[in-house]
Amino acid sequence: MQQAGDVKDYSVHPATPITFGGEVEDSLAPLPRLPLNTRALIRPATPPLPPVSHPLLPPPEFYRLRLLLPAEEDEDDDGPFALTRGMQQALAAAEAASLPIGQRVDPLYPFILFLALGVGSSYINLEPLARYTILWVVLLVLGAFLTLVDSPRTSGEMASSNLGWGASFGLVFTLPLLILMRPVLASMVSVLFGEMALPVLFQTVVLLAPLAETLFLRGALLERRGFWAALLGAMVMSIVMYWPAAFDQPVYLAATTIFMTVLAGIYGFVRTRYGLSAALVCQVCVSALLLFIPAALA
């Protein structure tokens, strides 16, 4: 048995039992709660790099045309990516070659030929119906070629709301004139179109004429040359078209020219606001109410 005197190394560890959830000394203060910035957590540590701008490359047609053109230096060089004069000419040629055939032709030249045909046909002994049919068919062919052939017409112009607006404009402007000036309109139709059968008159003034004038004047001429060019073209066309029939009555010729020019302004406004199909519907309504119905009632 080991005696107490034999133990040389020993230590005493005093321990005070503390129950769970005991008292906290006053000297130990609670730790402070630091504020948390949530925006700083999602903010990147370093600022982002600026966007890199790349120079635009020419279209593939340029490289094919560039092989056929001689090398030419441009004196006004704006930088390492500037296009030379030969490159600009090649780009212009490629852009012109990609356009549809109808958009390459200026509509003023076909319109001058049409006016020449109208003046020349007035010196030939033709009936009014035959002359009107020939002129409006030629205008229809020219307008369809310049407006519809190879042209990406949007489908938004054929919306029902646009067609409704075109018909509404036609009814609003024509119903008061039909009620107040029906005898004058009937006499004007008799002077311009003569004794024409009603079915033939309907096909001419309600179907053929609006379609031809809309495609050429509001389709090709207004789109390429602007509103006032189309309005001036409609006025000149009215003089050339109705001059042989109203030559002996210049009052009717002047009234018809002014009347058709004002209506052409309304069609042009509808065309610029609601599309080509709305202008066609508007002219069909106006022609039916102001030209065909007065002649039918007379």
Protein backbone atom coordinates (compact mmCIF):
# COMPACT_ATOMS: atom_id res chain seq x y z
CA MET A 1 0.00 0.00 0.00
CA GLN A 2 1.38 3.40 -1.08
CA GLN A 3 1.84 5.93 1.65
CA ALA A 4 0.95 9.57 1.38
CA GLY A 5 4.49 10.72 1.86
CA ASP A 6 5.63 8.89 -1.21
CA VAL A 7 3.56 11.10 -3.61
CA LYS A 8 5.73 13.94 -4.88
CA ASP A 9 3.67 15.54 -7.76
CA TYR A 10 0.11 16.46 -7.27
CA SER A 11 -2.23 19.36 -8.10
CA VAL A 12 -5.58 20.62 -6.87
CA HIS A 13 -8.31 21.80 -9.31
CA PRO A 14 -11.10 23.54 -7.49
CA ALA A 15 -14.43 23.14 -9.26
CA THR A 16 -17.72 24.87 -8.50
CA PRO A 17 -20.73 23.04 -9.85
CA ILE A 18 -22.88 25.32 -12.05
CA THR A 19 -26.28 24.20 -13.10
CA PHE A 20 -27.48 24.56 -16.75
CA GLY A 21 -28.94 28.00 -17.30
CA GLY A 22 -27.18 29.55 -14.38
CA GLU A 23 -26.73 33.23 -13.70
CA VAL A 24 -24.46 35.36 -15.88
CA GLU A 25 -21.99 37.67 -14.25
CA ASP A 26 -22.49 41.38 -14.73
CA SER A 27 -19.03 41.85 -16.15
CA LEU A 28 -19.86 39.81 -19.31
CA ALA A 29 -21.87 42.13 -21.64
CA PRO A 30 -23.66 40.69 -24.69
CA LEU A 31 -21.90 41.05 -28.04
CA PRO A 32 -23.16 43.91 -30.26
CA ARG A 33 -25.20 42.99 -33.40
CA LEU A 34 -23.53 44.45 -36.45
CA PRO A 35 -25.77 45.90 -39.27
CA LEU A 36 -25.99 43.80 -42.43
CA ASN A 37 -25.90 45.49 -45.86
CA THR A 38 -27.74 43.19 -48.27
CA ARG A 39 -26.81 45.23 -51.35
CA ALA A 40 -23.13 44.88 -50.57
CA LEU A 41 -23.52 41.09 -50.54
CA ILE A 42 -24.71 40.95 -54.16
CA ARG A 43 -22.38 43.68 -55.41
CA PRO A 44 -19.33 42.34 -57.27
CA ALA A 45 -16.02 42.83 -55.58
CA THR A 46 -14.49 44.38 -58.74
CA PRO A 47 -16.27 46.64 -61.27
CA PRO A 48 -17.31 44.92 -64.53
CA LEU A 49 -15.31 45.34 -67.69
CA PRO A 50 -16.62 47.76 -70.36
CA PRO A 51 -18.36 46.19 -73.38
CA VAL A 52 -16.11 45.32 -76.28
CA SER A 53 -17.22 46.83 -79.61
CA HIS A 54 -16.42 44.83 -82.72
CA PRO A 55 -16.37 46.40 -86.19
CA LEU A 56 -19.20 45.43 -88.53
CA LEU A 57 -18.15 43.09 -91.29
CA PRO A 58 -19.33 43.62 -94.88
CA PRO A 59 -21.99 41.28 -96.28
CA PRO A 60 -20.91 38.20 -98.24
CA GLU A 61 -21.78 39.92 -101.55
CA PHE A 62 -18.96 42.39 -100.95
CA TYR A 63 -16.25 39.73 -101.06
CA ARG A 64 -17.60 38.32 -104.33
CA LEU A 65 -17.75 41.76 -105.96
CA ARG A 66 -14.42 42.83 -104.51
CA LEU A 67 -12.62 40.23 -106.61
CA LEU A 68 -13.92 41.92 -109.77
CA LEU A 69 -13.01 45.49 -108.78
CA PRO A 70 -9.49 46.99 -108.95
CA ALA A 71 -7.80 47.95 -105.72
CA GLU A 72 -8.31 51.61 -104.90
CA GLU A 73 -7.13 53.60 -101.92
CA ASP A 74 -9.29 56.22 -100.28
CA GLU A 75 -7.61 59.43 -99.16
CA ASP A 76 -10.12 60.05 -96.36
CA ASP A 77 -9.21 57.09 -94.18
CA ASP A 78 -10.92 57.26 -90.80
CA GLY A 79 -9.18 54.31 -89.20
CA PRO A 80 -8.04 50.74 -89.69
CA PHE A 81 -11.61 49.56 -90.27
CA ALA A 82 -12.69 52.32 -92.68
CA LEU A 83 -14.09 51.25 -96.04
CA THR A 84 -12.32 52.36 -99.17
CA ARG A 85 -14.13 53.95 -102.07
CA GLY A 86 -14.12 50.71 -104.00
CA MET A 87 -15.62 48.88 -101.04
CA GLN A 88 -18.39 51.49 -100.75
CA GLN A 89 -19.19 51.15 -104.45
CA ALA A 90 -19.26 47.38 -104.10
CA LEU A 91 -21.61 47.61 -101.14
CA ALA A 92 -23.91 49.99 -103.04
CA ALA A 93 -23.94 47.67 -106.05
CA ALA A 94 -24.71 44.67 -103.84
CA GLU A 95 -27.55 46.50 -102.12
CA ALA A 96 -29.03 47.60 -105.45
CA ALA A 97 -28.77 44.07 -106.84
CA SER A 98 -30.60 42.64 -103.83
CA LEU A 99 -33.63 44.92 -104.29
CA PRO A 100 -36.72 43.59 -106.10
CA ILE A 101 -37.17 44.57 -109.74
CA GLY A 102 -40.19 46.74 -108.98
CA GLN A 103 -38.28 48.77 -106.40
CA ARG A 104 -35.43 49.56 -108.79
CA VAL A 105 -37.74 51.40 -111.23
CA ASP A 106 -38.71 54.97 -110.45
CA PRO A 107 -42.53 55.17 -110.78
CA LEU A 108 -42.34 58.62 -112.37
CA TYR A 109 -41.09 57.19 -115.69
CA PRO A 110 -43.96 54.68 -116.12
CA PHE A 111 -46.39 57.40 -115.04
CA ILE A 112 -45.12 59.75 -117.76
CA LEU A 113 -45.59 56.96 -120.33
CA PHE A 114 -49.11 56.41 -118.99
CA LEU A 115 -49.94 60.11 -119.35
CA ALA A 116 -48.57 60.04 -122.90
CA LEU A 117 -50.84 57.09 -123.65
CA GLY A 118 -53.79 58.97 -122.18
CA VAL A 119 -53.13 62.05 -124.30
CA GLY A 120 -52.52 59.98 -127.44
CA SER A 121 -55.69 57.93 -126.96
CA SER A 122 -57.79 61.11 -126.80
CA TYR A 123 -57.03 61.78 -130.48
CA ILE A 124 -58.21 58.33 -131.55
CA ASN A 125 -61.88 57.74 -132.21
CA LEU A 126 -62.54 55.49 -129.24
CA GLU A 127 -65.63 55.11 -127.15
CA PRO A 128 -65.34 56.35 -123.54
CA LEU A 129 -65.76 52.84 -122.15
CA ALA A 130 -62.98 51.40 -124.33
CA ARG A 131 -60.63 54.28 -123.54
CA TYR A 132 -61.24 54.11 -119.79
CA THR A 133 -60.79 50.35 -119.81
CA ILE A 134 -57.49 50.52 -121.69
CA LEU A 135 -56.04 53.27 -119.49
CA TRP A 136 -57.10 51.73 -116.19
CA VAL A 137 -55.89 48.26 -117.21
CA VAL A 138 -52.48 49.70 -118.14
CA LEU A 139 -52.36 51.56 -114.83
CA LEU A 140 -53.36 48.38 -113.02
CA VAL A 141 -50.57 46.38 -114.65
CA LEU A 142 -47.98 49.05 -113.86
CA GLY A 143 -49.16 49.39 -110.28
CA ALA A 144 -49.21 45.65 -109.67
CA PHE A 145 -45.71 45.30 -111.09
CA LEU A 146 -44.22 48.15 -109.07
CA THR A 147 -46.08 47.39 -105.84
CA LEU A 148 -46.69 43.65 -105.57
CA VAL A 149 -44.06 41.83 -107.66
CA ASP A 150 -41.18 40.62 -105.43
CA SER A 151 -42.27 43.00 -102.69
CA PRO A 152 -42.37 41.81 -99.05
CA ARG A 153 -45.78 43.29 -98.21
CA THR A 154 -46.57 42.90 -94.55
CA SER A 155 -49.67 41.04 -93.43
CA GLY A 156 -50.44 43.72 -90.83
CA GLU A 157 -51.98 45.94 -93.52
CA MET A 158 -54.72 43.36 -94.09
CA ALA A 159 -55.99 43.55 -90.49
CA SER A 160 -59.75 43.81 -90.07
CA SER A 161 -59.38 46.99 -88.04
CA ASN A 162 -57.52 48.73 -90.88
CA LEU A 163 -60.15 47.67 -93.41
CA GLY A 164 -62.86 48.91 -91.06
CA TRP A 165 -61.15 52.29 -90.75
CA GLY A 166 -60.91 52.59 -94.54
CA ALA A 167 -64.61 51.84 -94.98
CA SER A 168 -65.47 54.26 -92.16
CA PHE A 169 -63.58 57.13 -93.79
CA GLY A 170 -65.31 56.40 -97.09
CA LEU A 171 -68.79 56.40 -95.54
CA VAL A 172 -68.22 59.51 -93.42
CA PHE A 173 -67.08 61.65 -96.35
CA THR A 174 -69.53 60.37 -98.95
CA LEU A 175 -72.90 59.99 -97.22
CA PRO A 176 -73.46 63.77 -96.74
CA LEU A 177 -72.45 64.42 -100.36
CA LEU A 178 -74.77 61.68 -101.59
CA ILE A 179 -77.70 63.15 -99.70
CA LEU A 180 -77.08 66.80 -100.60
CA MET A 181 -75.58 66.59 -104.12
CA ARG A 182 -77.11 63.48 -105.69
CA PRO A 183 -78.52 65.26 -108.81
CA VAL A 184 -75.19 67.04 -109.41
CA LEU A 185 -73.28 63.78 -109.06
CA ALA A 186 -75.67 62.02 -111.46
CA SER A 187 -75.18 64.72 -114.09
CA MET A 188 -71.40 64.58 -113.63
CA VAL A 189 -71.40 60.79 -114.15
CA SER A 190 -73.53 61.16 -117.28
CA VAL A 191 -71.09 63.71 -118.72
CA LEU A 192 -67.97 61.67 -117.90
CA PHE A 193 -69.20 58.16 -118.74
CA GLY A 194 -72.10 58.74 -121.12
CA GLU A 195 -74.91 56.25 -121.55
CA MET A 196 -73.14 53.26 -120.02
CA ALA A 197 -74.92 50.16 -118.78
CA LEU A 198 -75.07 49.85 -115.02
CA PRO A 199 -73.19 46.53 -114.77
CA VAL A 200 -70.39 47.89 -116.95
CA LEU A 201 -70.33 51.15 -114.96
CA PHE A 202 -70.08 49.20 -111.70
CA GLN A 203 -67.21 47.07 -112.97
CA THR A 204 -65.39 50.15 -114.27
CA VAL A 205 -65.74 52.76 -111.52
CA VAL A 206 -66.13 50.51 -108.46
CA LEU A 207 -63.74 47.63 -109.21
CA LEU A 208 -61.24 48.44 -111.97
CA ALA A 209 -60.51 52.13 -111.32
CA PRO A 210 -59.98 51.91 -107.52
CA LEU A 211 -57.74 48.86 -107.86
CA ALA A 212 -55.59 50.44 -110.58
CA GLU A 213 -55.29 53.85 -108.92
CA THR A 214 -54.60 52.40 -105.47
CA LEU A 215 -51.82 50.11 -106.65
CA PHE A 216 -50.04 52.76 -108.71
CA LEU A 217 -50.75 56.13 -107.06
CA ARG A 218 -51.01 55.04 -103.42
CA GLY A 219 -48.80 51.97 -103.73
CA ALA A 220 -45.83 52.82 -105.95
CA LEU A 221 -45.88 56.61 -106.35
CA LEU A 222 -46.70 57.56 -102.76
CA GLU A 223 -44.30 55.02 -101.30
CA ARG A 224 -41.38 56.14 -103.46
CA ARG A 225 -42.09 59.85 -104.01
CA GLY A 226 -44.24 60.91 -101.08
CA PHE A 227 -47.76 62.15 -100.40
CA TRP A 228 -47.66 65.34 -102.46
CA ALA A 229 -46.26 63.62 -105.53
CA ALA A 230 -49.12 61.11 -105.41
CA LEU A 231 -51.65 63.94 -104.99
CA LEU A 232 -50.23 65.89 -107.93
CA GLY A 233 -50.18 62.70 -110.01
CA ALA A 234 -53.86 62.07 -109.23
CA MET A 235 -54.77 65.62 -110.31
CA VAL A 236 -52.87 65.35 -113.61
CA MET A 237 -54.32 61.90 -114.26
CA SER A 238 -57.86 63.21 -113.73
CA ILE A 239 -57.30 65.97 -116.30
CA VAL A 240 -55.85 63.56 -118.85
CA MET A 241 -58.46 60.88 -118.16
CA TYR A 242 -61.63 63.00 -118.34
CA TRP A 243 -60.54 65.76 -120.69
CA PRO A 244 -61.97 64.23 -123.92
CA ALA A 245 -65.38 63.52 -122.31
CA ALA A 246 -65.76 66.97 -120.69
CA PHE A 247 -63.98 69.04 -123.33
CA ASP A 248 -67.17 70.88 -124.33
CA GLN A 249 -68.11 71.53 -120.68
CA PRO A 250 -65.05 72.93 -118.90
CA VAL A 251 -67.03 73.57 -115.72
CA TYR A 252 -67.51 69.83 -115.24
CA LEU A 253 -63.86 69.21 -116.06
CA ALA A 254 -62.67 71.71 -113.44
CA ALA A 255 -65.16 70.42 -110.84
CA THR A 256 -64.18 66.82 -111.55
CA THR A 257 -60.45 67.61 -111.24
CA ILE A 258 -60.90 69.38 -107.90
CA PHE A 259 -63.27 66.69 -106.65
CA MET A 260 -60.96 63.81 -107.59
CA THR A 261 -57.92 65.60 -106.15
CA VAL A 262 -59.62 66.09 -102.79
CA LEU A 263 -60.67 62.45 -102.75
CA ALA A 264 -57.10 61.43 -103.65
CA GLY A 265 -55.88 63.38 -100.62
CA ILE A 266 -58.27 61.38 -98.42
CA TYR A 267 -57.10 58.10 -99.96
CA GLY A 268 -53.47 59.11 -99.42
CA PHE A 269 -54.11 59.92 -95.77
CA VAL A 270 -55.79 56.55 -95.24
CA ARG A 271 -52.88 54.86 -97.01
CA THR A 272 -50.24 56.46 -94.80
CA ARG A 273 -52.23 55.82 -91.62
CA TYR A 274 -53.86 52.41 -92.10
CA GLY A 275 -52.18 50.77 -95.10
CA LEU A 276 -52.76 50.09 -98.78
CA SER A 277 -55.72 47.74 -98.36
CA ALA A 278 -57.56 50.33 -96.24
CA ALA A 279 -57.06 52.93 -98.99
CA LEU A 280 -58.48 50.48 -101.54
CA VAL A 281 -61.57 49.81 -99.42
CA CYS A 282 -62.04 53.55 -98.88
CA GLN A 283 -61.93 54.30 -102.61
CA VAL A 284 -64.30 51.43 -103.40
CA CYS A 285 -66.86 52.82 -100.92
CA VAL A 286 -66.48 56.37 -102.26
CA SER A 287 -66.81 55.29 -105.91
CA ALA A 288 -69.86 53.16 -105.17
CA LEU A 289 -71.66 55.91 -103.24
CA LEU A 290 -70.70 58.96 -105.30
CA LEU A 291 -70.51 57.57 -108.83
CA PHE A 292 -72.51 54.37 -109.18
CA ILE A 293 -75.49 54.94 -106.87
CA PRO A 294 -76.40 58.42 -108.25
CA ALA A 295 -76.27 57.06 -111.80
CA ALA A 296 -78.36 54.03 -110.81
CA LEU A 297 -80.98 56.19 -109.08
CA ALA A 298 -81.12 58.60 -112.01
